[in-house]
């Protein structure tokens, strides 16, 4: 049976007309123009992104170059003006004539002892605190408060630590102004940086190390001592490197707790006052009897201070590289 397309009056309806060739072509050309427009927009967007990326990289390169040039300018100026003052007598003799003559041997020894004792105080306590916060402390308000306090202490001005050290160790405990008091104060100053860098180093150790150790039945402390800490040691050295430079260069903490203006002999013990390069440089540059007369000695002292910090940092970098290669995962 055949059905025809008829209306109500019984007449046959005409068949629908097909779209003309022209309409199809117009649609195709419209789609083509739309695709071209989209492609053009994408190309323009990519060009803008490439431009901004290149501009950002150029800005970063210029910033790095500027920092390096400024650093070289400062170090070069100190080297040029202070190199003439560097003699064997300047490095090995005691100061004389109100520090306008002689050498800086007590300052060198005092600075090295200050840095060593400060690290002896700060490194063990900082590592213990970081291990507790990373491995033992449960996530919560108490841990967040402790970490926030550490971050705040890391940004506290050094003069605040100096006043705190004087109030705690000298006024309250009764210790004399000495190398020990200054080292304890400096240890408190550099401890927050050691805690934060040690935490980051511990968190960078893969969890598989801990899980594999626990699967073998090893206790948590043995896992930390034998697997986690050795693997994180190279990162922990970073905090020590930062601390060395700060401990050697800070003046305010030792100004209130142990450093003296003129002490032409070596410290007899940790309870003796001492001279330090940073404070020695500050006094000669601001309170010397004849600042212009000691100008070369000032630059020589600054050059020696930079050299000591550089050598200490270089030794720490060597230790970090050694442990990084020793505990490098296969």
Protein backbone atom coordinates (compact mmCIF):
# COMPACT_ATOMS: atom_id res chain seq x y z
CA UNK A 1 0.00 0.00 0.00
CA UNK A 2 1.33 3.45 -0.99
CA UNK A 3 0.81 6.57 1.05
CA UNK A 4 0.82 9.88 -0.76
CA UNK A 5 1.53 13.27 0.65
CA UNK A 6 -1.84 14.99 0.38
CA UNK A 7 -3.47 17.90 2.18
CA UNK A 8 -7.06 17.99 3.54
CA UNK A 9 -8.57 18.90 0.15
CA UNK A 10 -7.08 15.79 -1.39
CA UNK A 11 -4.52 17.61 -3.51
CA UNK A 12 -1.03 16.37 -3.79
CA UNK A 13 1.51 18.57 -1.89
CA UNK A 14 4.59 19.54 -3.81
CA UNK A 15 7.81 17.86 -2.75
CA UNK A 16 10.18 20.02 -0.56
CA UNK A 17 12.75 21.83 -2.56
CA UNK A 18 16.41 20.94 -2.10
CA UNK A 19 18.85 23.57 -0.87
CA UNK A 20 20.48 25.34 -3.68
CA UNK A 21 24.13 25.00 -4.52
CA UNK A 22 24.61 28.65 -3.64
CA UNK A 23 23.33 28.27 -0.05
CA UNK A 24 25.62 25.31 0.57
CA UNK A 25 28.57 27.22 -0.72
CA UNK A 26 27.71 30.17 1.52
CA UNK A 27 27.55 27.89 4.56
CA UNK A 28 30.88 26.33 3.67
CA UNK A 29 32.49 29.72 3.20
CA UNK A 30 31.06 30.91 6.54
CA UNK A 31 32.45 27.85 8.34
CA UNK A 32 35.77 28.36 6.62
CA UNK A 33 35.93 32.01 7.67
CA UNK A 34 34.99 31.03 11.24
CA UNK A 35 37.79 28.45 11.36
CA UNK A 36 40.23 30.97 9.96
CA UNK A 37 39.12 33.51 12.56
CA UNK A 38 39.55 30.97 15.39
CA UNK A 39 42.96 29.97 14.06
CA UNK A 40 43.98 33.61 13.89
CA UNK A 41 42.82 34.20 17.47
CA UNK A 42 44.74 31.17 18.69
CA UNK A 43 47.83 32.30 16.85
CA UNK A 44 47.54 35.80 18.32
CA UNK A 45 47.03 34.34 21.82
CA UNK A 46 50.11 32.15 21.44
CA UNK A 47 52.14 35.09 20.24
CA UNK A 48 51.07 37.14 23.25
CA UNK A 49 51.93 34.25 25.56
CA UNK A 50 55.33 33.81 23.92
CA UNK A 51 55.97 37.54 24.21
CA UNK A 52 55.09 37.66 27.91
CA UNK A 53 57.13 34.49 28.57
CA UNK A 54 60.18 35.91 26.83
CA UNK A 55 59.73 39.21 28.66
CA UNK A 56 59.52 37.39 32.01
CA UNK A 57 62.65 35.35 31.28
CA UNK A 58 64.47 38.49 30.16
CA UNK A 59 63.46 40.28 33.37
CA UNK A 60 64.71 37.34 35.46
CA UNK A 61 68.00 37.23 33.57
CA UNK A 62 68.48 40.97 34.01
CA UNK A 63 67.71 40.64 37.73
CA UNK A 64 70.24 37.84 38.14
CA UNK A 65 72.87 39.75 36.21
CA UNK A 66 72.19 42.88 38.27
CA UNK A 67 72.55 41.00 41.55
CA UNK A 68 75.81 39.38 40.39
CA UNK A 69 77.21 42.70 39.19
CA UNK A 70 76.32 44.43 42.47
CA UNK A 71 77.91 41.58 44.44
CA UNK A 72 81.05 41.71 42.32
CA UNK A 73 81.17 45.49 42.68
CA UNK A 74 80.97 45.30 46.49
CA UNK A 75 83.46 42.45 46.82
CA UNK A 76 85.78 44.00 44.27
CA UNK A 77 85.74 47.38 46.04
CA UNK A 78 86.53 45.71 49.39
CA UNK A 79 89.27 43.62 47.80
CA UNK A 80 90.93 46.55 46.02
CA UNK A 81 90.86 48.85 49.05
CA UNK A 82 91.64 46.18 51.64
CA UNK A 83 94.23 44.07 49.87
CA UNK A 84 97.02 46.52 50.68
CA UNK A 85 96.37 46.10 54.42
CA UNK A 86 96.64 42.31 54.33
CA UNK A 87 100.05 41.39 55.68
CA UNK A 88 101.36 38.60 57.87
CA UNK A 89 101.65 41.03 60.80
CA UNK A 90 98.05 42.19 60.25
CA UNK A 91 96.81 38.61 60.53
CA UNK A 92 99.01 37.39 63.39
CA UNK A 93 99.60 40.33 65.74
CA UNK A 94 97.59 41.91 68.52
CA UNK A 95 96.00 45.34 68.01
CA UNK A 96 97.87 48.28 69.48
CA UNK A 97 97.62 52.04 69.90
CA UNK A 98 93.82 51.95 70.31
CA UNK A 99 93.44 49.67 67.27
CA UNK A 100 95.08 52.13 64.88
CA UNK A 101 98.09 49.83 64.53
CA UNK A 102 98.92 46.17 64.87
CA UNK A 103 96.87 43.21 63.73
CA UNK A 104 93.48 41.57 64.18
CA UNK A 105 94.42 38.12 65.49
CA UNK A 106 92.05 38.31 68.53
CA UNK A 107 89.20 39.28 66.20
CA UNK A 108 89.84 36.32 63.89
CA UNK A 109 90.09 33.81 66.73
CA UNK A 110 87.05 35.29 68.48
CA UNK A 111 84.93 35.13 65.33
CA UNK A 112 85.86 31.51 64.60
CA UNK A 113 85.17 30.48 68.20
CA UNK A 114 81.86 32.38 68.19
CA UNK A 115 80.68 30.63 65.02
CA UNK A 116 81.80 27.21 66.25
CA UNK A 117 80.11 27.51 69.65
CA UNK A 118 76.95 28.98 68.12
CA UNK A 119 76.65 26.03 65.76
CA UNK A 120 77.38 23.67 68.66
CA UNK A 121 74.35 25.13 70.44
CA UNK A 122 71.97 25.60 67.51
CA UNK A 123 72.54 22.57 65.28
CA UNK A 124 71.63 19.75 67.73
CA UNK A 125 68.64 21.61 69.16
CA UNK A 126 67.46 22.68 65.72
CA UNK A 127 67.69 19.16 64.28
CA UNK A 128 65.88 17.67 67.29
CA UNK A 129 63.08 20.23 66.98
CA UNK A 130 62.77 19.63 63.23
CA UNK A 131 62.66 15.84 63.67
CA UNK A 132 59.92 16.18 66.28
CA UNK A 133 57.82 18.53 64.14
CA UNK A 134 58.23 16.41 61.01
CA UNK A 135 58.19 12.83 62.26
CA UNK A 136 56.38 12.80 65.62
CA UNK A 137 54.12 15.82 66.07
CA UNK A 138 50.51 15.25 64.96
CA UNK A 139 48.93 17.77 62.62
CA UNK A 140 46.87 20.24 64.59
CA UNK A 141 46.76 23.63 66.23
CA UNK A 142 49.75 23.00 68.50
CA UNK A 143 52.02 22.05 65.61
CA UNK A 144 50.80 24.99 63.54
CA UNK A 145 51.46 27.37 66.44
CA UNK A 146 55.00 26.03 66.90
CA UNK A 147 55.80 26.33 63.18
CA UNK A 148 54.35 29.83 63.05
CA UNK A 149 56.45 30.81 66.06
CA UNK A 150 59.58 29.45 64.33
CA UNK A 151 58.78 31.45 61.20
CA UNK A 152 58.28 34.60 63.27
CA UNK A 153 61.57 34.08 65.09
CA UNK A 154 63.37 33.67 61.77
CA UNK A 155 62.26 37.19 60.81
CA UNK A 156 62.90 38.82 64.19
CA UNK A 157 65.58 41.58 64.14
CA UNK A 158 68.89 40.56 65.61
CA UNK A 159 68.91 43.41 68.11
CA UNK A 160 65.86 41.83 69.79
CA UNK A 161 67.84 38.61 70.27
CA UNK A 162 70.71 40.65 71.71
CA UNK A 163 68.48 42.33 74.28
CA UNK A 164 66.80 39.00 75.10
CA UNK A 165 70.18 37.31 75.58
CA UNK A 166 71.36 40.10 77.86
CA UNK A 167 68.16 39.92 79.94
CA UNK A 168 68.12 36.10 80.17
CA UNK A 169 71.75 35.04 80.42
CA UNK A 170 73.32 38.09 82.12
CA UNK A 171 70.57 39.71 84.19
CA UNK A 172 68.52 36.64 85.14
CA UNK A 173 70.96 33.70 85.14
CA UNK A 174 73.95 35.81 86.15
CA UNK A 175 76.49 34.81 83.51
CA UNK A 176 79.20 37.36 82.73
CA UNK A 177 79.53 39.11 79.40
CA UNK A 178 81.61 36.49 77.66
CA UNK A 179 82.11 34.27 74.66
CA UNK A 180 79.69 31.73 76.12
CA UNK A 181 76.89 34.25 76.58
CA UNK A 182 77.34 35.63 73.08
CA UNK A 183 77.40 32.10 71.61
CA UNK A 184 74.19 31.12 73.40
CA UNK A 185 72.49 34.26 72.12
CA UNK A 186 73.77 33.72 68.59
CA UNK A 187 72.66 30.10 68.75
CA UNK A 188 69.11 31.23 69.48
CA UNK A 189 69.36 33.64 66.55
CA UNK A 190 70.34 31.04 63.94
CA UNK A 191 68.25 28.17 65.30
CA UNK A 192 64.99 29.03 63.42
CA UNK A 193 66.76 28.87 60.05
CA UNK A 194 68.23 25.48 60.91
CA UNK A 195 64.82 24.18 61.99
CA UNK A 196 63.10 25.27 58.79
CA UNK A 197 65.77 23.97 56.41
CA UNK A 198 65.98 20.68 58.30
CA UNK A 199 62.21 20.27 58.08
CA UNK A 200 62.30 20.82 54.33
CA UNK A 201 65.15 18.32 53.99
CA UNK A 202 63.27 15.67 56.01
CA UNK A 203 60.10 16.20 53.99
CA UNK A 204 62.06 15.71 50.76
CA UNK A 205 63.04 12.16 51.75
CA UNK A 206 60.76 9.72 49.85
CA UNK A 207 58.09 7.99 51.93
CA UNK A 208 59.17 4.67 50.44
CA UNK A 209 62.30 4.78 52.63
CA UNK A 210 60.19 4.90 55.78
CA UNK A 211 57.66 2.34 54.53
CA UNK A 212 60.35 -0.16 53.47
CA UNK A 213 62.10 0.19 56.82
CA UNK A 214 58.86 -0.28 58.76
CA UNK A 215 58.01 -3.32 56.64
CA UNK A 216 61.25 -4.93 57.80
CA UNK A 217 60.23 -4.45 61.43
CA UNK A 218 62.60 -1.58 62.18
CA UNK A 219 61.48 0.84 64.86
CA UNK A 220 60.56 4.41 64.01
CA UNK A 221 63.60 5.91 65.73
CA UNK A 222 65.98 3.50 63.99
CA UNK A 223 64.32 4.37 60.68
CA UNK A 224 64.85 8.06 61.30
CA UNK A 225 68.43 7.60 62.50
CA UNK A 226 69.61 5.17 59.83
CA UNK A 227 67.50 5.99 56.77
CA UNK A 228 65.88 9.42 56.99
CA UNK A 229 68.57 11.60 58.58
CA UNK A 230 71.46 10.38 56.36
CA UNK A 231 69.35 10.95 53.24
CA UNK A 232 68.36 14.45 54.41
CA UNK A 233 71.81 15.46 55.63
CA UNK A 234 72.86 17.19 52.42
CA UNK A 235 69.79 19.43 52.65
CA UNK A 236 70.36 20.10 56.33
CA UNK A 237 73.80 21.49 55.52
CA UNK A 238 72.05 24.34 53.67
CA UNK A 239 70.70 25.72 56.93
CA UNK A 240 74.15 25.43 58.49
CA UNK A 241 75.70 27.35 55.58
CA UNK A 242 73.19 30.16 56.01
CA UNK A 243 73.81 30.17 59.76
CA UNK A 244 77.59 30.42 59.38
CA UNK A 245 77.36 33.65 57.41
CA UNK A 246 74.85 35.17 59.79
CA UNK A 247 76.71 34.17 62.95
CA UNK A 248 79.96 35.63 61.63
CA UNK A 249 78.44 38.88 60.38
CA UNK A 250 75.92 39.86 63.06
CA UNK A 251 76.92 42.64 65.45
CA UNK A 252 73.88 43.50 67.59
CA UNK A 253 73.60 40.19 69.51
CA UNK A 254 77.26 40.15 70.57
CA UNK A 255 77.27 43.88 71.27
CA UNK A 256 75.04 43.32 74.31
CA UNK A 257 76.37 39.97 75.45
CA UNK A 258 80.14 39.59 75.16
CA UNK A 259 82.08 41.48 72.49
CA UNK A 260 84.34 44.28 73.69
CA UNK A 261 85.89 47.30 72.03
CA UNK A 262 89.53 46.64 72.82
CA UNK A 263 90.87 43.37 74.21
CA UNK A 264 94.42 42.81 72.90
CA UNK A 265 94.71 39.15 73.93
CA UNK A 266 93.05 35.85 73.16
CA UNK A 267 90.12 34.61 75.27
CA UNK A 268 91.33 32.56 78.23
CA UNK A 269 88.07 30.52 78.38
CA UNK A 270 84.45 30.65 77.27
CA UNK A 271 83.79 32.96 80.24
CA UNK A 272 86.18 35.63 78.94
CA UNK A 273 85.20 38.62 76.81
CA UNK A 274 86.36 38.54 73.22
CA UNK A 275 86.82 40.60 70.08
CA UNK A 276 84.97 39.85 66.84
CA UNK A 277 85.57 41.01 63.30
CA UNK A 278 82.06 42.41 62.80
CA UNK A 279 82.11 44.48 65.99
CA UNK A 280 85.74 45.49 65.41
CA UNK A 281 84.80 46.77 61.94
CA UNK A 282 81.77 48.63 63.33
CA UNK A 283 83.83 50.38 66.01
CA UNK A 284 86.61 51.41 63.64
CA UNK A 285 84.12 52.77 61.09
CA UNK A 286 82.00 54.76 63.58
CA UNK A 287 83.85 55.39 66.86
CA UNK A 288 87.54 55.33 66.01
CA UNK A 289 89.74 58.21 67.14
CA UNK A 290 90.76 58.80 63.54
CA UNK A 291 88.45 57.12 61.06
CA UNK A 292 90.41 58.21 57.99
CA UNK A 293 93.65 56.89 59.46
CA UNK A 294 92.17 53.44 59.92
CA UNK A 295 90.35 53.32 56.58
CA UNK A 296 92.68 50.71 55.09
CA UNK A 297 92.41 48.63 58.29
CA UNK A 298 88.62 48.75 57.99
CA UNK A 299 88.67 47.39 54.46
CA UNK A 300 91.27 44.82 55.43
CA UNK A 301 89.07 43.63 58.30
CA UNK A 302 86.06 43.42 55.99
CA UNK A 303 88.10 41.43 53.47
CA UNK A 304 89.25 38.97 56.15
CA UNK A 305 85.66 38.56 57.38
CA UNK A 306 84.43 37.77 53.87
CA UNK A 307 87.31 35.33 53.39
CA UNK A 308 86.49 33.47 56.64
CA UNK A 309 82.81 33.20 55.76
CA UNK A 310 83.70 32.03 52.25
CA UNK A 311 86.07 29.33 53.54
CA UNK A 312 83.51 28.09 56.08
CA UNK A 313 80.77 27.99 53.47
CA UNK A 314 83.07 26.22 51.02
CA UNK A 315 83.83 23.55 53.61
CA UNK A 316 80.11 23.12 54.34
CA UNK A 317 79.34 22.84 50.62
CA UNK A 318 82.02 20.16 50.30
CA UNK A 319 80.47 18.18 53.15
CA UNK A 320 77.02 18.53 51.60
CA UNK A 321 78.25 17.33 48.23
CA UNK A 322 80.01 14.36 49.83
CA UNK A 323 76.89 13.20 51.68
CA UNK A 324 74.70 13.88 48.66
CA UNK A 325 76.82 11.55 46.55
CA UNK A 326 77.15 9.00 49.35
CA UNK A 327 73.41 8.64 49.89
CA UNK A 328 72.36 9.19 46.28
CA UNK A 329 69.52 6.77 45.42
CA UNK A 330 70.27 4.25 42.70
